[in-house]
Amino acid sequence: MSEPDPAAPPAPAERPLPIGYRQGVITAITVMLGFSLYFLRFWNFEAPGAWSPLAITAAVLIVISVALQLVALWRSLQIEDDLEPVYRRTLLWFLAGVIASVLGVIAASLAYT
């Protein structure tokens, strides 16, 4: 049996990320998470008006968005996130959080009018 060559480049699945990618995604996640938390605080405690089904839907979507972004932040802080496949999965979690946030803001804007 042949042993793997230690001088050979890592397989594509094990390839580490270029320098700066993790820091960039961590910054993006925290900025979006900060916006989502601030919007949730405003929408739940400061916005005038009665709660409608659309307003409750907006609040639920923003809560889901915060949860997805927290998972993405937790994953991005793990050592394993330096590998490309794990990093791609983390980006999918973040994308799901952003989409939920956008849908929540759209629902809130429709409920507020």
Protein backbone atom coordinates (compact mmCIF):
# COMPACT_ATOMS: atom_id res chain seq x y z
CA MET A 1 0.00 0.00 0.00
CA SER A 2 1.26 3.43 -0.80
CA GLU A 3 1.30 6.16 1.80
CA PRO A 4 0.21 9.71 0.95
CA ASP A 5 3.01 12.05 0.00
CA PRO A 6 3.41 14.64 2.81
CA ALA A 7 4.78 17.16 0.30
CA ALA A 8 1.70 16.90 -1.95
CA PRO A 9 -0.78 19.81 -1.83
CA PRO A 10 -3.93 19.18 0.22
CA ALA A 11 -6.97 17.73 -1.51
CA PRO A 12 -9.58 20.29 -2.59
CA ALA A 13 -11.91 19.23 0.23
CA GLU A 14 -9.17 19.93 2.78
CA ARG A 15 -7.90 23.15 1.26
CA PRO A 16 -7.69 25.98 3.82
CA LEU A 17 -9.24 29.35 3.09
CA PRO A 18 -7.17 32.27 1.86
CA ILE A 19 -6.09 34.68 4.58
CA GLY A 20 -8.81 37.17 5.48
CA TYR A 21 -11.87 35.21 4.38
CA ARG A 22 -12.92 34.17 7.88
CA GLN A 23 -12.42 37.64 9.30
CA GLY A 24 -14.53 39.11 6.52
CA VAL A 25 -17.43 36.75 7.03
CA ILE A 26 -17.31 37.18 10.82
CA THR A 27 -17.53 40.95 10.33
CA ALA A 28 -20.42 40.60 7.88
CA ILE A 29 -22.30 38.29 10.24
CA THR A 30 -21.88 40.58 13.24
CA VAL A 31 -22.97 43.67 11.28
CA MET A 32 -26.08 41.89 10.01
CA LEU A 33 -26.76 40.41 13.45
CA GLY A 34 -26.51 43.87 15.03
CA PHE A 35 -28.97 45.28 12.49
CA SER A 36 -31.39 42.39 13.05
CA LEU A 37 -31.28 42.74 16.84
CA TYR A 38 -31.78 46.50 16.64
CA PHE A 39 -34.68 46.13 14.20
CA LEU A 40 -36.25 43.44 16.41
CA ARG A 41 -36.00 45.72 19.44
CA PHE A 42 -37.59 48.60 17.52
CA TRP A 43 -40.31 46.45 15.98
CA ASN A 44 -41.29 44.74 19.24
CA PHE A 45 -41.00 47.59 21.73
CA GLU A 46 -40.96 51.00 20.03
CA ALA A 47 -43.09 50.84 16.88
CA PRO A 48 -46.56 52.31 17.42
CA GLY A 49 -49.72 50.49 16.41
CA ALA A 50 -51.55 47.29 17.13
CA TRP A 51 -50.22 43.83 16.43
CA SER A 52 -51.64 42.32 13.27
CA PRO A 53 -50.99 38.85 11.83
CA LEU A 54 -48.54 40.43 9.36
CA ALA A 55 -46.72 42.25 12.19
CA ILE A 56 -46.42 39.00 14.14
CA THR A 57 -45.11 37.28 10.98
CA ALA A 58 -42.47 40.00 10.64
CA ALA A 59 -41.38 39.57 14.25
CA VAL A 60 -41.18 35.78 13.89
CA LEU A 61 -39.11 36.09 10.70
CA ILE A 62 -36.67 38.45 12.41
CA VAL A 63 -36.35 36.09 15.40
CA ILE A 64 -35.64 33.21 13.00
CA SER A 65 -33.11 35.42 11.23
CA VAL A 66 -31.31 36.17 14.50
CA ALA A 67 -31.19 32.47 15.35
CA LEU A 68 -29.76 31.57 11.92
CA GLN A 69 -27.17 34.34 12.16
CA LEU A 70 -26.13 33.19 15.63
CA VAL A 71 -25.60 29.68 14.28
CA ALA A 72 -23.55 31.13 11.40
CA LEU A 73 -21.48 33.20 13.86
CA TRP A 74 -20.88 30.18 16.10
CA ARG A 75 -19.83 28.07 13.10
CA SER A 76 -17.54 30.82 11.79
CA LEU A 77 -15.70 30.94 15.11
CA GLN A 78 -14.93 27.21 15.07
CA ILE A 79 -11.45 26.07 14.02
CA GLU A 80 -12.96 23.68 11.45
CA ASP A 81 -14.44 26.66 9.58
CA ASP A 82 -10.99 27.28 8.12
CA LEU A 83 -11.66 24.37 5.71
CA GLU A 84 -13.47 25.22 2.49
CA PRO A 85 -16.47 22.81 2.72
CA VAL A 86 -17.24 23.85 6.31
CA TYR A 87 -16.87 27.51 5.36
CA ARG A 88 -19.31 27.07 2.46
CA ARG A 89 -21.87 25.52 4.83
CA THR A 90 -21.42 28.46 7.21
CA LEU A 91 -22.08 30.85 4.34
CA LEU A 92 -25.32 28.99 3.59
CA TRP A 93 -26.44 29.45 7.20
CA PHE A 94 -25.61 33.15 6.94
CA LEU A 95 -27.44 33.48 3.62
CA ALA A 96 -30.54 31.85 5.15
CA GLY A 97 -30.36 34.38 8.00
CA VAL A 98 -30.06 37.31 5.60
CA ILE A 99 -33.01 36.08 3.52
CA ALA A 100 -35.15 35.65 6.64
CA SER A 101 -34.17 39.15 7.75
CA VAL A 102 -35.05 40.70 4.40
CA LEU A 103 -38.41 38.90 4.38
CA GLY A 104 -39.06 40.11 7.93
CA VAL A 105 -38.29 43.72 7.01
CA ILE A 106 -40.54 43.48 3.96
CA ALA A 107 -43.35 42.02 6.08
CA ALA A 108 -42.80 44.76 8.68
CA SER A 109 -42.94 47.50 6.06
CA LEU A 110 -46.20 46.07 4.69
CA ALA A 111 -47.66 45.79 8.20
CA TYR A 112 -46.60 49.32 9.14
CA THR A 113 -48.33 51.04 6.22
